[in-house]
N, C-alpha and C. Protein backbone atom coordinates (compact mmCIF):
# COMPACT_ATOMS: atom_id res chain seq x y z
N MET A 1 89.60 120.34 93.22
CA MET A 1 90.43 119.74 93.76
C MET A 1 89.51 118.36 94.35
N GLU A 2 90.17 116.96 93.99
CA GLU A 2 88.93 115.84 94.27
C GLU A 2 89.98 115.23 95.77
N ASN A 3 88.82 114.75 96.49
CA ASN A 3 89.11 114.24 98.02
C ASN A 3 89.08 112.91 97.70
N ASN A 4 90.29 112.54 98.12
CA ASN A 4 90.93 110.84 97.65
C ASN A 4 91.06 110.50 99.37
N ASN A 5 90.10 110.90 99.99
CA ASN A 5 90.09 110.63 101.57
C ASN A 5 91.38 110.52 102.30
N ILE A 6 92.46 111.39 101.66
CA ILE A 6 93.54 111.96 102.29
C ILE A 6 93.87 112.20 103.67
N HIS A 7 94.10 111.28 104.62
CA HIS A 7 94.26 112.87 105.96
C HIS A 7 95.61 113.12 106.33
N LEU A 8 95.67 114.35 105.73
CA LEU A 8 96.83 115.16 105.54
C LEU A 8 97.70 115.43 107.15
N THR A 9 96.72 115.06 108.15
CA THR A 9 97.65 115.07 109.38
C THR A 9 97.80 113.68 110.11
N ASP A 10 97.83 112.53 108.77
CA ASP A 10 97.94 111.21 109.43
C ASP A 10 99.29 111.08 109.72
N ARG A 11 99.42 110.39 111.20
CA ARG A 11 100.92 109.88 111.82
C ARG A 11 101.25 108.96 111.00
N LEU A 12 102.40 108.83 110.67
CA LEU A 12 103.00 107.37 110.49
C LEU A 12 103.60 106.99 111.91
N LEU A 13 103.48 105.53 112.42
CA LEU A 13 103.70 104.91 113.34
C LEU A 13 104.77 103.79 113.07
N LYS A 14 106.18 104.28 113.99
CA LYS A 14 106.47 103.19 114.07
C LYS A 14 105.88 101.52 114.35
N ALA A 15 106.76 100.38 114.27
CA ALA A 15 106.13 98.98 114.63
C ALA A 15 106.23 99.24 115.72
N GLU A 16 107.02 99.35 116.88
CA GLU A 16 106.87 99.58 118.23
C GLU A 16 105.68 100.91 118.59
N ASP A 17 105.40 101.28 118.21
CA ASP A 17 104.25 102.35 118.55
C ASP A 17 102.99 101.42 118.08
N VAL A 18 102.95 100.69 117.35
CA VAL A 18 101.57 100.30 117.02
C VAL A 18 101.71 98.80 118.20
N GLN A 19 102.73 98.32 118.42
CA GLN A 19 102.85 97.28 119.36
C GLN A 19 102.17 97.42 120.47
N ASP A 20 102.80 98.81 120.91
CA ASP A 20 102.22 99.40 122.24
C ASP A 20 100.73 99.63 122.32
N ILE A 21 100.21 100.36 121.00
CA ILE A 21 99.12 100.27 121.18
C ILE A 21 98.22 99.23 120.74
N LEU A 22 98.48 98.32 120.29
CA LEU A 22 97.63 96.78 120.18
C LEU A 22 98.29 95.83 121.42
N GLN A 23 98.88 96.45 122.07
CA GLN A 23 99.57 95.45 123.48
C GLN A 23 100.20 93.74 122.21
N LEU A 24 100.82 94.12 121.67
CA LEU A 24 101.07 92.82 121.20
C LEU A 24 102.46 92.28 121.43
N SER A 25 103.07 91.25 121.18
CA SER A 25 104.45 91.31 121.18
C SER A 25 104.92 91.91 120.03
N ARG A 26 106.35 91.51 119.65
CA ARG A 26 106.88 91.47 118.49
C ARG A 26 106.64 90.54 117.30
N SER A 27 106.78 89.26 118.18
CA SER A 27 106.41 88.18 117.03
C SER A 27 104.86 88.20 116.97
N GLY A 28 104.05 88.19 117.55
CA GLY A 28 102.87 88.18 117.71
C GLY A 28 102.11 89.32 116.35
N PHE A 29 102.83 90.70 116.50
CA PHE A 29 102.40 91.66 115.72
C PHE A 29 102.88 91.09 114.34
N TYR A 30 104.24 90.58 113.90
CA TYR A 30 104.46 90.56 112.77
C TYR A 30 103.70 88.99 112.43
N ALA A 31 103.15 87.90 113.30
CA ALA A 31 102.67 87.07 113.01
C ALA A 31 101.17 87.64 112.10
N ALA A 32 100.56 88.72 112.79
CA ALA A 32 99.39 88.71 112.48
C ALA A 32 99.66 90.00 111.18
N ILE A 33 100.51 90.29 111.06
CA ILE A 33 100.46 90.73 109.30
C ILE A 33 100.59 89.71 108.65
N ARG A 34 101.53 88.71 108.92
CA ARG A 34 101.52 87.55 108.19
C ARG A 34 100.14 86.89 107.79
N ALA A 35 99.25 86.96 108.56
CA ALA A 35 98.02 86.28 108.75
C ALA A 35 96.78 87.19 108.37
N GLY A 36 97.16 88.57 107.78
CA GLY A 36 96.44 89.54 107.30
C GLY A 36 95.21 89.96 107.89
N LEU A 37 95.79 90.00 109.23
CA LEU A 37 95.06 90.73 110.14
C LEU A 37 95.72 92.25 110.56
N LEU A 38 96.72 92.54 109.92
CA LEU A 38 97.08 93.88 109.99
C LEU A 38 97.82 94.32 108.74
N PRO A 39 97.83 95.29 108.39
CA PRO A 39 98.06 95.54 107.07
C PRO A 39 99.72 95.35 106.90
N LYS A 40 100.08 95.36 105.70
CA LYS A 40 101.29 95.27 106.02
C LYS A 40 101.95 97.19 105.76
N PRO A 41 103.28 97.52 105.93
CA PRO A 41 103.80 98.56 106.21
C PRO A 41 103.97 99.15 104.84
N ILE A 42 104.09 100.61 105.20
CA ILE A 42 104.17 101.57 103.96
C ILE A 42 105.66 101.80 104.25
N LYS A 43 106.67 101.51 103.14
CA LYS A 43 107.86 101.82 103.12
C LYS A 43 108.75 102.61 102.74
N ILE A 44 109.39 103.32 103.55
CA ILE A 44 110.38 104.74 103.40
C ILE A 44 111.41 104.17 103.76
N GLY A 45 112.29 104.08 102.37
CA GLY A 45 113.65 103.60 102.62
C GLY A 45 113.90 102.32 103.19
N LYS A 46 114.44 102.15 104.25
CA LYS A 46 114.65 100.78 104.80
C LYS A 46 113.47 100.96 106.00
N SER A 47 112.65 101.71 106.57
CA SER A 47 111.92 101.82 107.42
C SER A 47 110.90 101.42 106.79
N ALA A 48 109.99 100.90 108.02
CA ALA A 48 108.46 100.61 107.87
C ALA A 48 107.30 101.39 108.68
N ARG A 49 106.58 102.13 108.19
CA ARG A 49 105.76 102.53 108.93
C ARG A 49 104.09 102.52 108.92
N TRP A 50 103.43 102.65 109.71
CA TRP A 50 101.96 102.39 109.46
C TRP A 50 101.04 103.66 110.07
N LYS A 51 99.96 103.92 108.88
CA LYS A 51 99.25 105.22 109.13
C LYS A 51 98.77 104.67 110.82
N ALA A 52 98.17 105.76 111.12
CA ALA A 52 97.53 105.91 112.43
C ALA A 52 96.18 105.65 112.29
N SER A 53 95.70 106.17 110.90
CA SER A 53 94.21 105.98 110.75
C SER A 53 93.84 104.67 110.33
N VAL A 54 94.73 103.85 109.73
CA VAL A 54 94.61 102.56 109.24
C VAL A 54 94.30 101.68 110.65
N ILE A 55 95.33 102.19 111.68
CA ILE A 55 95.54 101.18 112.68
C ILE A 55 94.34 101.54 113.74
N SER A 56 93.76 102.82 113.30
CA SER A 56 92.43 103.42 114.47
C SER A 56 91.47 102.08 113.95
N SER A 57 91.21 102.13 112.17
CA SER A 57 90.26 101.19 112.06
C SER A 57 90.65 100.01 112.12
N VAL A 58 91.68 99.25 112.33
CA VAL A 58 91.74 98.08 112.78
C VAL A 58 91.19 97.66 114.22
N ILE A 59 91.34 98.81 115.44
CA ILE A 59 90.84 98.49 116.56
C ILE A 59 89.22 98.90 116.46
N GLU A 60 88.96 99.74 115.27
CA GLU A 60 87.44 99.65 115.38
C GLU A 60 86.89 98.43 115.36
N HIS A 61 87.17 97.82 114.03
CA HIS A 61 86.92 96.30 113.26
C HIS A 61 86.76 95.30 114.27
N TRP A 62 88.19 95.28 115.02
CA TRP A 62 88.35 94.40 116.29
C TRP A 62 87.31 94.68 117.85
N ASP A 63 87.28 95.77 117.59
CA ASP A 63 85.97 96.26 119.00
C ASP A 63 84.32 95.60 118.57
N SER A 64 84.49 95.02 117.09
CA SER A 64 82.75 95.37 116.95
C SER A 64 82.50 93.84 116.55
């Protein structure tokens, strides 16, 4: 079986969770997505979610 770098235990976070983690306001959070500083969400029906591993990568990138 091929390893496609899939995190099987990767949590899907709500917008509010990501905002709390990054300490961003709602408007600042969506502005960062529009500016390309944060990834666009994964859409599940009408819901939007972000992979925890992707948000961790963003934090590591910002800290460096």
